[in-house]
Amino acid sequence: MRLRVQAPTQLVFIISLVLAVIGILAAVTTVIVLPIAPFWWVAVAYVILALGCTIRGL
């Protein structure tokens, strides 16, 4: 099985970027109070970006 990757759509990229920035800001500052740990925000952003690169039409 060959894995074919492609560039993610602009919407997927922006969503993952926003989630990653929220996670980084939550880790650096204490102003943002989120019920989820900052690590998980960044992890979810990376998973969304990886899915956007591997699944066609996403």
N, C-alpha and C. Protein backbone atom coordinates (compact mmCIF):
# COMPACT_ATOMS: atom_id res chain seq x y z
N MET A 1 0.83 -1.18 0.00
CA MET A 1 0.00 0.00 0.00
C MET A 1 0.88 1.25 0.00
N ARG A 2 0.63 2.11 -0.93
CA ARG A 2 1.39 3.35 -1.04
C ARG A 2 0.61 4.49 -0.44
N LEU A 3 1.27 5.27 0.37
CA LEU A 3 0.63 6.43 0.98
C LEU A 3 0.84 7.63 0.09
N ARG A 4 -0.26 8.19 -0.39
CA ARG A 4 -0.17 9.37 -1.24
C ARG A 4 -0.58 10.59 -0.42
N VAL A 5 0.30 11.54 -0.35
CA VAL A 5 0.01 12.76 0.39
C VAL A 5 -0.19 13.90 -0.58
N GLN A 6 -0.94 14.88 -0.12
CA GLN A 6 -1.21 16.07 -0.92
C GLN A 6 -1.29 17.26 0.02
N ALA A 7 -1.29 18.43 -0.52
CA ALA A 7 -1.39 19.62 0.30
C ALA A 7 -2.81 19.72 0.87
N PRO A 8 -2.93 20.12 2.14
CA PRO A 8 -4.28 20.28 2.70
C PRO A 8 -4.96 21.51 2.12
N THR A 9 -6.29 21.54 2.24
CA THR A 9 -7.00 22.72 1.77
C THR A 9 -6.69 23.89 2.70
N GLN A 10 -6.98 25.07 2.23
CA GLN A 10 -6.68 26.25 3.02
C GLN A 10 -7.51 26.28 4.31
N LEU A 11 -8.74 25.81 4.26
CA LEU A 11 -9.60 25.78 5.44
C LEU A 11 -9.04 24.84 6.51
N VAL A 12 -8.59 23.66 6.11
CA VAL A 12 -8.01 22.71 7.06
C VAL A 12 -6.74 23.30 7.67
N PHE A 13 -5.93 23.93 6.87
CA PHE A 13 -4.70 24.54 7.37
C PHE A 13 -4.99 25.64 8.39
N ILE A 14 -5.96 26.48 8.10
CA ILE A 14 -6.29 27.58 9.01
C ILE A 14 -6.89 27.06 10.31
N ILE A 15 -7.74 26.03 10.24
CA ILE A 15 -8.31 25.45 11.45
C ILE A 15 -7.21 24.85 12.32
N SER A 16 -6.30 24.12 11.73
CA SER A 16 -5.22 23.53 12.52
C SER A 16 -4.28 24.60 13.06
N LEU A 17 -4.06 25.65 12.31
CA LEU A 17 -3.22 26.75 12.79
C LEU A 17 -3.85 27.45 13.98
N VAL A 18 -5.14 27.71 13.92
CA VAL A 18 -5.84 28.37 15.03
C VAL A 18 -5.79 27.50 16.28
N LEU A 19 -6.04 26.19 16.13
CA LEU A 19 -5.98 25.30 17.29
C LEU A 19 -4.58 25.23 17.88
N ALA A 20 -3.57 25.21 17.04
CA ALA A 20 -2.19 25.18 17.53
C ALA A 20 -1.84 26.47 18.27
N VAL A 21 -2.27 27.60 17.75
CA VAL A 21 -1.99 28.88 18.42
C VAL A 21 -2.71 28.95 19.76
N ILE A 22 -3.95 28.46 19.83
CA ILE A 22 -4.67 28.43 21.10
C ILE A 22 -3.91 27.56 22.11
N GLY A 23 -3.43 26.42 21.67
CA GLY A 23 -2.67 25.54 22.56
C GLY A 23 -1.38 26.16 23.04
N ILE A 24 -0.67 26.83 22.15
CA ILE A 24 0.58 27.47 22.53
C ILE A 24 0.33 28.63 23.49
N LEU A 25 -0.68 29.44 23.21
CA LEU A 25 -1.01 30.54 24.11
C LEU A 25 -1.46 30.03 25.48
N ALA A 26 -2.20 28.94 25.50
CA ALA A 26 -2.63 28.38 26.78
C ALA A 26 -1.45 27.84 27.58
N ALA A 27 -0.43 27.35 26.90
CA ALA A 27 0.75 26.84 27.59
C ALA A 27 1.64 27.96 28.12
N VAL A 28 1.70 29.06 27.38
CA VAL A 28 2.60 30.15 27.74
C VAL A 28 1.97 31.09 28.77
N THR A 29 0.70 31.38 28.62
CA THR A 29 0.04 32.32 29.53
C THR A 29 -0.90 31.58 30.47
N THR A 30 -1.29 32.25 31.51
CA THR A 30 -2.26 31.68 32.44
C THR A 30 -3.59 32.40 32.35
N VAL A 31 -3.73 33.32 31.40
CA VAL A 31 -4.95 34.08 31.24
C VAL A 31 -6.05 33.21 30.63
N ILE A 32 -5.68 32.39 29.67
CA ILE A 32 -6.67 31.55 29.00
C ILE A 32 -6.99 30.35 29.89
N VAL A 33 -8.25 30.23 30.25
CA VAL A 33 -8.69 29.11 31.06
C VAL A 33 -9.48 28.16 30.17
N LEU A 34 -8.88 27.02 29.87
CA LEU A 34 -9.49 26.04 28.99
C LEU A 34 -9.63 24.71 29.74
N PRO A 35 -10.72 23.99 29.50
CA PRO A 35 -10.89 22.72 30.19
C PRO A 35 -9.99 21.60 29.66
N ILE A 36 -9.32 21.84 28.54
CA ILE A 36 -8.44 20.83 27.94
C ILE A 36 -6.99 21.31 28.07
N ALA A 37 -6.09 20.38 28.36
CA ALA A 37 -4.67 20.71 28.50
C ALA A 37 -4.12 21.25 27.17
N PRO A 38 -3.18 22.18 27.24
CA PRO A 38 -2.61 22.76 26.01
C PRO A 38 -2.00 21.73 25.07
N PHE A 39 -1.42 20.67 25.63
CA PHE A 39 -0.84 19.63 24.78
C PHE A 39 -1.89 19.05 23.84
N TRP A 40 -3.09 18.84 24.32
CA TRP A 40 -4.13 18.22 23.50
C TRP A 40 -4.62 19.16 22.41
N TRP A 41 -4.62 20.47 22.65
CA TRP A 41 -4.98 21.42 21.59
C TRP A 41 -4.00 21.30 20.42
N VAL A 42 -2.71 21.25 20.74
CA VAL A 42 -1.69 21.15 19.69
C VAL A 42 -1.74 19.77 19.03
N ALA A 43 -1.98 18.72 19.81
CA ALA A 43 -2.05 17.38 19.25
C ALA A 43 -3.24 17.25 18.28
N VAL A 44 -4.37 17.80 18.64
CA VAL A 44 -5.55 17.76 17.77
C VAL A 44 -5.29 18.56 16.50
N ALA A 45 -4.61 19.70 16.63
CA ALA A 45 -4.29 20.50 15.45
C ALA A 45 -3.40 19.71 14.49
N TYR A 46 -2.44 18.99 15.04
CA TYR A 46 -1.54 18.21 14.19
C TYR A 46 -2.29 17.06 13.52
N VAL A 47 -3.18 16.40 14.25
CA VAL A 47 -3.95 15.29 13.67
C VAL A 47 -4.85 15.80 12.55
N ILE A 48 -5.49 16.93 12.75
CA ILE A 48 -6.33 17.51 11.69
C ILE A 48 -5.50 17.84 10.46
N LEU A 49 -4.32 18.40 10.67
CA LEU A 49 -3.46 18.72 9.54
C LEU A 49 -2.98 17.44 8.84
N ALA A 50 -2.65 16.42 9.59
CA ALA A 50 -2.21 15.15 8.99
C ALA A 50 -3.35 14.50 8.21
N LEU A 51 -4.56 14.54 8.74
CA LEU A 51 -5.71 13.99 8.01
C LEU A 51 -5.97 14.79 6.74
N GLY A 52 -5.81 16.11 6.82
CA GLY A 52 -6.00 16.94 5.65
C GLY A 52 -4.99 16.65 4.54
N CYS A 53 -3.82 16.16 4.93
CA CYS A 53 -2.79 15.82 3.93
C CYS A 53 -2.99 14.43 3.34
N THR A 54 -3.66 13.53 4.06
CA THR A 54 -3.77 12.16 3.57
C THR A 54 -5.13 11.80 2.99
N ILE A 55 -6.21 12.43 3.47
CA ILE A 55 -7.54 12.09 2.98
C ILE A 55 -7.92 13.03 1.83
N ARG A 56 -8.26 12.46 0.73
CA ARG A 56 -8.62 13.24 -0.46
C ARG A 56 -9.97 13.93 -0.24
N GLY A 57 -10.05 15.19 -0.56
CA GLY A 57 -11.29 15.94 -0.48
C GLY A 57 -11.59 16.51 0.90
N LEU A 58 -10.67 16.39 1.83
CA LEU A 58 -10.91 16.93 3.16
C LEU A 58 -10.28 18.29 3.29
